[in-house]
Protein backbone atom coordinates (compact mmCIF):
# COMPACT_ATOMS: atom_id res chain seq x y z
CA MET A 1 45.95 40.98 -124.78
CA LYS A 2 48.15 40.62 -121.71
CA GLY A 3 47.67 44.29 -120.74
CA LEU A 4 43.87 43.84 -121.05
CA LYS A 5 43.89 40.84 -118.78
CA ILE A 6 45.80 42.78 -116.19
CA ALA A 7 43.34 45.69 -116.48
CA TYR A 8 40.36 43.20 -115.84
CA LEU A 9 42.23 41.64 -112.95
CA PHE A 10 42.71 45.12 -111.48
CA LEU A 11 38.97 45.82 -111.86
CA ALA A 12 38.01 42.51 -110.16
CA VAL A 13 40.29 43.55 -107.11
CA LEU A 14 38.66 47.05 -107.06
CA LEU A 15 35.13 45.66 -107.02
CA THR A 16 36.11 43.30 -104.26
CA GLY A 17 37.15 46.31 -102.17
CA LEU A 18 33.98 48.15 -103.00
CA GLN A 19 31.97 45.28 -101.51
CA GLY A 20 33.35 45.70 -98.03
CA LYS A 21 36.83 44.09 -97.78
CA ALA A 22 38.59 47.44 -97.44
CA GLN A 23 40.53 48.47 -94.24
CA HIS A 24 38.34 49.57 -91.31
CA TYR A 25 39.25 52.94 -89.85
CA GLN A 26 41.12 53.05 -86.50
CA PHE A 27 42.94 55.33 -84.16
CA SER A 28 46.38 54.56 -82.50
CA GLN A 29 45.42 56.78 -79.72
CA PHE A 30 42.23 54.83 -79.14
CA TYR A 31 41.53 56.32 -75.55
CA ALA A 32 41.64 59.78 -77.17
CA ALA A 33 38.63 58.52 -79.17
CA GLN A 34 36.80 57.03 -76.32
CA THR A 35 33.25 57.16 -77.57
CA TYR A 36 34.33 55.58 -80.90
CA LEU A 37 36.20 52.89 -78.93
CA ASN A 38 33.08 52.07 -76.76
CA PRO A 39 29.79 54.03 -76.56
CA ALA A 40 29.80 53.08 -72.91
CA PHE A 41 32.49 55.88 -72.43
CA THR A 42 29.79 58.41 -73.32
CA GLY A 43 29.60 61.07 -70.47
CA ALA A 44 32.40 59.29 -68.59
CA THR A 45 33.65 62.69 -67.27
CA SER A 46 32.23 65.21 -64.68
CA CYS A 47 32.12 67.89 -67.42
CA THR A 48 31.01 68.44 -70.98
CA ARG A 49 33.82 66.96 -73.25
CA MET A 50 34.57 68.05 -76.90
CA THR A 51 37.15 65.88 -78.77
CA LEU A 52 38.96 66.11 -82.09
CA ASN A 53 41.10 63.25 -83.76
CA CYS A 54 42.93 63.44 -86.98
CA ARG A 55 44.88 60.66 -88.58
CA ASN A 56 47.09 60.43 -91.67
CA GLN A 57 48.15 56.85 -92.40
CA TRP A 58 50.94 55.80 -94.70
CA SER A 59 51.53 59.25 -95.96
CA ASN A 60 54.13 58.39 -98.65
CA ILE A 61 51.62 56.09 -100.44
CA PRO A 62 49.41 57.65 -103.10
CA GLY A 63 45.78 57.79 -101.96
CA THR A 64 46.80 57.77 -98.30
CA PHE A 65 44.21 56.98 -95.55
CA THR A 66 42.93 60.05 -93.73
CA THR A 67 40.48 59.93 -90.86
CA TYR A 68 38.91 62.72 -88.87
CA GLN A 69 36.49 62.56 -85.90
CA VAL A 70 34.59 65.35 -83.92
CA ALA A 71 32.63 64.34 -80.85
CA VAL A 72 30.97 65.95 -77.90
CA ASP A 73 29.44 64.23 -74.86
CA HIS A 74 27.99 65.24 -71.50
CA TYR A 75 27.02 63.48 -68.20
CA ALA A 76 23.47 64.15 -67.03
CA LYS A 77 23.66 63.30 -63.32
CA SER A 78 19.93 63.58 -62.70
CA ILE A 79 19.28 60.65 -65.02
CA ASN A 80 22.63 58.68 -64.41
CA SER A 81 23.14 58.97 -68.21
CA GLY A 82 25.76 60.24 -70.63
CA ILE A 83 24.57 61.64 -74.05
CA GLY A 84 26.61 62.72 -77.02
CA LEU A 85 27.23 63.15 -80.74
CA ILE A 86 29.97 61.87 -83.10
CA PHE A 87 30.87 62.70 -86.58
CA PHE A 88 33.37 60.69 -88.74
CA SER A 89 34.95 61.19 -92.17
CA ASP A 90 37.36 58.62 -93.70
CA LYS A 91 38.85 58.77 -97.05
CA ALA A 92 40.95 55.84 -98.53
CA GLY A 93 42.72 55.27 -101.85
CA SER A 94 43.18 56.97 -105.09
CA GLY A 95 39.60 56.51 -106.04
CA ASN A 96 38.65 58.63 -102.95
CA LEU A 97 36.51 55.91 -101.30
CA LYS A 98 34.86 57.92 -98.52
CA THR A 99 32.85 57.06 -95.47
CA THR A 100 30.97 59.75 -93.53
CA GLN A 101 29.10 58.81 -90.39
CA PHE A 102 26.95 60.90 -87.91
CA SER A 103 25.69 59.04 -84.71
CA ALA A 104 23.97 59.78 -81.46
CA LEU A 105 25.35 58.30 -78.26
CA TYR A 106 23.80 57.20 -74.96
CA ALA A 107 25.26 55.48 -71.91
CA TYR A 108 23.74 54.55 -68.50
CA GLN A 109 25.86 54.51 -65.49
CA LEU A 110 25.09 52.15 -62.48
CA GLN A 111 26.99 52.92 -59.26
CA ILE A 112 27.51 49.57 -57.64
CA ASN A 113 29.01 50.94 -54.53
CA ARG A 114 31.66 53.43 -53.52
CA LYS A 115 34.44 51.61 -55.22
CA TYR A 116 32.87 50.28 -58.50
CA ALA A 117 30.62 51.25 -61.35
CA LEU A 118 29.09 49.67 -64.44
CA ARG A 119 28.18 51.51 -67.63
CA ALA A 120 26.28 50.32 -70.64
CA GLY A 121 26.32 52.29 -73.99
CA PHE A 122 24.62 52.44 -77.35
CA SER A 123 25.32 54.48 -80.62
CA ALA A 124 23.15 54.67 -83.67
CA GLY A 125 23.23 56.86 -86.73
CA GLY A 126 23.58 57.17 -90.58
CA VAL A 127 26.51 56.42 -92.86
CA GLN A 128 27.10 57.51 -96.29
CA ARG A 129 29.80 55.61 -98.46
CA SER A 130 30.88 57.14 -101.77
CA ILE A 131 33.44 57.01 -104.45
CA ASP A 132 34.83 59.42 -106.94
CA TYR A 133 33.76 57.61 -110.17
CA SER A 134 35.70 60.02 -112.40
CA SER A 135 39.10 59.08 -110.96
CA LEU A 136 38.63 55.34 -111.72
CA VAL A 137 39.86 53.67 -114.88
CA PHE A 138 38.10 50.34 -116.01
CA GLY A 139 39.19 47.62 -118.25
CA ASP A 140 36.62 48.49 -121.05
CA GLN A 141 38.09 52.01 -121.12
CA ILE A 142 41.59 50.63 -121.91
CA ALA A 143 40.22 48.24 -124.44
CA ARG A 144 38.50 51.02 -126.21
CA GLY A 145 41.55 53.17 -126.56
CA GLY A 146 41.16 55.34 -123.50
CA ALA A 147 37.43 56.05 -123.65
CA ALA A 148 36.25 58.75 -121.36
CA SER A 149 33.57 56.72 -119.71
CA SER A 150 32.88 52.99 -118.73
CA VAL A 151 29.90 50.73 -119.17
CA GLU A 152 30.34 49.38 -115.56
CA ASN A 153 27.55 50.11 -113.26
CA ILE A 154 28.81 51.42 -109.96
CA ALA A 155 26.71 53.64 -107.62
CA VAL A 156 28.48 56.90 -106.69
CA LYS A 157 27.14 56.62 -103.08
CA THR A 158 25.12 54.42 -100.67
CA THR A 159 23.60 55.08 -97.29
CA TYR A 160 22.69 52.87 -94.50
CA PHE A 161 21.89 52.74 -90.74
CA ASP A 162 24.52 51.48 -88.35
CA ALA A 163 24.38 50.61 -84.68
CA SER A 164 26.96 49.65 -81.88
CA THR A 165 26.73 48.72 -78.21
CA GLY A 166 29.20 48.19 -75.35
CA MET A 167 29.73 47.82 -71.60
CA LEU A 168 32.30 49.13 -69.17
CA PHE A 169 33.20 48.14 -65.60
CA TYR A 170 35.68 50.24 -63.71
CA SER A 171 37.04 51.19 -60.23
CA GLU A 172 39.27 54.19 -59.34
CA ASN A 173 42.34 52.74 -60.99
CA SER A 174 41.31 49.79 -63.20
CA TRP A 175 38.84 49.41 -65.98
CA ALA A 176 37.70 46.57 -68.53
CA GLY A 177 35.09 46.72 -71.18
CA PHE A 178 33.90 45.41 -74.60
CA SER A 179 32.02 46.83 -77.66
CA ILE A 180 30.37 45.26 -80.71
CA ASN A 181 30.10 47.51 -83.76
CA HIS A 182 27.60 47.04 -86.70
CA ILE A 183 25.26 44.93 -84.71
CA ASN A 184 22.69 45.28 -87.45
CA ARG A 185 25.08 43.99 -90.10
CA PRO A 186 24.17 46.75 -92.70
CA ASN A 187 24.55 46.40 -96.48
CA GLN A 188 27.40 48.71 -97.57
CA SER A 189 27.99 47.53 -101.20
CA LEU A 190 28.22 50.32 -103.89
CA LEU A 191 27.27 47.59 -106.39
CA GLU A 192 23.80 46.17 -107.08
CA GLN A 193 24.69 43.30 -104.69
CA THR A 194 24.53 42.48 -100.94
CA SER A 195 27.74 43.01 -98.86
CA LYS A 196 27.04 42.78 -95.17
CA LEU A 197 29.40 44.85 -92.96
CA PRO A 198 30.79 42.23 -90.53
CA GLY A 199 30.54 42.87 -86.77
CA ASP A 200 33.71 44.49 -85.10
CA PHE A 201 34.47 43.13 -81.52
CA LYS A 202 36.68 45.10 -79.20
CA LEU A 203 37.94 44.15 -75.72
CA HIS A 204 39.95 46.72 -73.88
CA GLY A 205 41.12 47.50 -70.15
CA GLY A 206 44.12 48.50 -67.99
CA HIS A 207 45.36 49.54 -64.74
CA LYS A 208 47.03 52.78 -63.30
CA PHE A 209 49.94 52.25 -60.90
CA VAL A 210 50.29 55.46 -58.80
CA LEU A 211 53.96 56.21 -58.09
CA ASP A 212 53.60 59.58 -56.34
CA GLY A 213 50.55 61.76 -55.79
CA ASP A 214 48.56 63.89 -53.44
CA GLU A 215 46.51 61.99 -50.89
CA THR A 216 42.81 62.27 -50.83
CA GLU A 217 40.49 62.30 -47.87
CA SER A 218 40.41 58.55 -47.74
CA GLY A 219 44.14 58.32 -47.67
CA ARG A 220 44.60 57.08 -51.20
CA LYS A 221 46.88 58.87 -53.91
CA ASN A 222 45.05 60.52 -56.75
CA GLY A 223 47.73 59.89 -59.43
CA GLU A 224 47.85 63.32 -60.77
CA LYS A 225 51.69 63.78 -60.22
CA ASN A 226 53.29 60.61 -61.21
CA SER A 227 51.84 57.33 -62.52
CA VAL A 228 52.43 54.37 -64.88
CA THR A 229 49.51 52.95 -66.69
CA LEU A 230 49.26 49.56 -68.59
CA ALA A 231 46.62 49.34 -71.26
CA PHE A 232 45.40 46.99 -73.99
CA ASN A 233 42.81 46.89 -76.83
CA TYR A 234 41.94 43.68 -78.82
CA LYS A 235 39.95 43.82 -82.03
CA LYS A 236 38.47 41.03 -84.13
CA GLN A 237 36.42 41.28 -87.35
CA GLN A 238 35.67 38.01 -89.04
CA LYS A 239 39.11 36.08 -89.21
CA PHE A 240 41.21 39.27 -88.75
CA ASN A 241 42.37 40.25 -85.34
CA GLN A 242 44.59 42.96 -83.74
CA PHE A 243 46.08 43.49 -80.42
CA ASP A 244 47.34 46.86 -79.03
CA LEU A 245 49.48 46.51 -75.91
CA GLY A 246 51.11 49.57 -74.40
CA VAL A 247 52.32 51.57 -71.40
CA TYR A 248 51.92 55.37 -70.47
CA TYR A 249 54.11 57.18 -68.08
CA SER A 250 52.58 60.47 -66.70
CA LYS A 251 54.66 63.15 -64.85
CA ASN A 252 52.66 66.24 -63.75
CA LEU A 253 51.23 67.58 -67.11
CA PHE A 254 53.40 65.51 -69.49
CA VAL A 255 52.67 62.10 -70.83
CA ILE A 256 54.81 59.75 -72.92
CA GLY A 257 53.75 56.34 -74.14
CA THR A 258 54.63 53.47 -76.41
CA TRP A 259 52.67 50.39 -77.58
CA TYR A 260 52.83 47.43 -80.04
CA ARG A 261 50.09 46.65 -82.60
CA GLY A 262 49.85 43.06 -83.95
CA ILE A 263 49.70 39.42 -83.02
CA PRO A 264 52.52 37.78 -85.00
CA LEU A 265 51.88 34.35 -83.76
CA TRP A 266 48.19 34.39 -84.56
CA LYS A 267 47.49 34.62 -88.34
CA PRO A 268 44.14 34.37 -90.05
CA TYR A 269 45.89 33.22 -93.20
CA SER A 270 49.25 31.56 -93.60
CA TRP A 271 50.38 34.47 -95.89
CA TYR A 272 49.20 37.30 -93.58
CA GLN A 273 51.89 39.00 -91.53
CA ASN A 274 50.10 40.05 -88.39
CA ASN A 275 52.77 42.53 -87.43
CA ASP A 276 51.61 46.11 -87.90
CA ALA A 277 53.41 48.98 -85.94
CA LEU A 278 55.23 50.37 -83.07
CA VAL A 279 53.51 53.53 -81.76
CA LEU A 280 55.14 56.39 -80.04
CA LEU A 281 53.31 59.10 -78.09
CA ILE A 282 53.90 62.46 -76.38
CA GLY A 283 51.12 64.52 -74.83
CA LEU A 284 50.04 67.24 -72.48
CA SER A 285 47.38 66.45 -70.12
CA ALA A 286 45.77 69.20 -67.91
CA ASP A 287 42.52 69.24 -65.95
CA LYS A 288 40.54 70.53 -68.94
CA VAL A 289 42.76 70.20 -71.96
CA ASN A 290 44.56 67.28 -73.44
CA ILE A 291 46.60 67.43 -76.62
CA GLY A 292 48.55 64.40 -77.97
CA TYR A 293 50.71 63.37 -80.92
CA SER A 294 51.61 59.98 -81.98
CA TYR A 295 53.74 58.35 -84.76
CA ASP A 296 53.33 54.76 -86.08
CA ILE A 297 56.49 53.12 -87.19
CA THR A 298 55.43 50.48 -89.79
CA LEU A 299 56.76 47.01 -88.89
CA SER A 300 55.01 45.05 -91.64
CA LYS A 301 56.54 44.15 -95.08
CA LEU A 302 55.19 47.54 -96.42
CA SER A 303 58.29 48.98 -94.35
CA ASN A 304 58.35 52.39 -92.67
CA SER A 305 60.48 54.01 -95.43
CA SER A 306 57.95 53.23 -98.12
CA SER A 307 54.89 53.98 -96.12
CA GLY A 308 56.21 57.14 -94.36
CA GLY A 309 54.63 55.84 -91.13
CA SER A 310 51.36 57.32 -89.77
CA HIS A 311 50.77 60.59 -87.86
CA GLU A 312 47.85 61.23 -85.56
CA ILE A 313 46.84 64.24 -83.43
CA SER A 314 44.21 64.35 -80.68
CA MET A 315 42.77 67.22 -78.82
CA SER A 316 40.10 67.45 -76.07
CA TYR A 317 38.51 70.20 -73.97
CA GLN A 318 36.20 69.87 -71.06
CA ILE A 319 33.57 72.62 -70.04
CA CYS A 320 33.06 72.27 -66.38
CA ALA A 321 30.43 73.75 -64.09
CA ALA A 322 31.39 74.77 -60.47
CA LYS A 323 33.02 72.21 -58.45
CA LYS A 324 30.75 69.84 -56.55
CA LYS A 325 31.49 68.34 -53.12
CA LYS A 326 30.83 64.80 -54.17
CA LYS A 327 32.13 63.59 -57.53
CA PRO A 328 31.34 60.28 -59.12
CA ILE A 329 34.05 57.67 -59.67
CA LEU A 330 35.96 58.81 -62.86
CA ILE A 331 37.57 56.17 -65.25
CA SER A 332 41.33 56.52 -64.75
CA CYS A 333 42.22 55.26 -68.32
CA PRO A 334 44.71 57.15 -70.35
CA LYS A 335 43.68 60.30 -72.34
CA PHE A 336 45.53 59.11 -75.40
């Protein structure tokens, strides 16, 4: 009987996860996934941009979290707008709980003056959430001596519409913005119940300090040779919150960076240890190509030895037309 009670307890925990309490996917290199961070970044280059992001979280744990993103965006100067498309695939847990999303992106750019610009963005698309029913073991199967099937009624997949919005204010060397995801509060439950996906709020910004660079016509340094950039990203979803604070050093084509993720003094619950990871980054940043690798050192009670840390790779490529005499103000935030 004790084993049966444990099996039913496990089932209750599993069903709670299926109703939307599971981990929300994220990237440590959040500026390498700009359109996911904030749709206002759509078209925030002078070229057509293609990006790829791959993350393997806690590789030593069975049913590791894996996330992939492919995105393309373009700035249409004639209408002061950025347009794009983004595709996500996220798999979590031994039950292969999978989320697939395809969204369209749009952002409008308002040039306030020669020094400052404002962007507002929006994303909308479809999401499919599914689970591998055959990989799950339920309490009634154990009670019936290892039966091949269960009487539990769980949908194999569900689909819903999801929308996000955001704004971004920036100058030549500084930027600040926010985004709100799941503004329509979609129902993502795999059960015959209602489980509204909570809104996800993000606040981000930073500043680039130019140490050594070529001077432009206005006499200012362009920061392409030697610079230090401070950046942050704050996220909140219901009672849970997270803060990423980091620094990047850029020397010619090479970039190194480190940042901390967590808010140890701000806990949504007394038992919750809001101390997640220390992230290390190395990258190559050229005019059209950016390649980065980062590793998360787990700082929570999970420990880095048991989790195996987290690996993440990002790549982006820009397809540019002939150089124009007058270029818009470009956001100087990191590429990783």
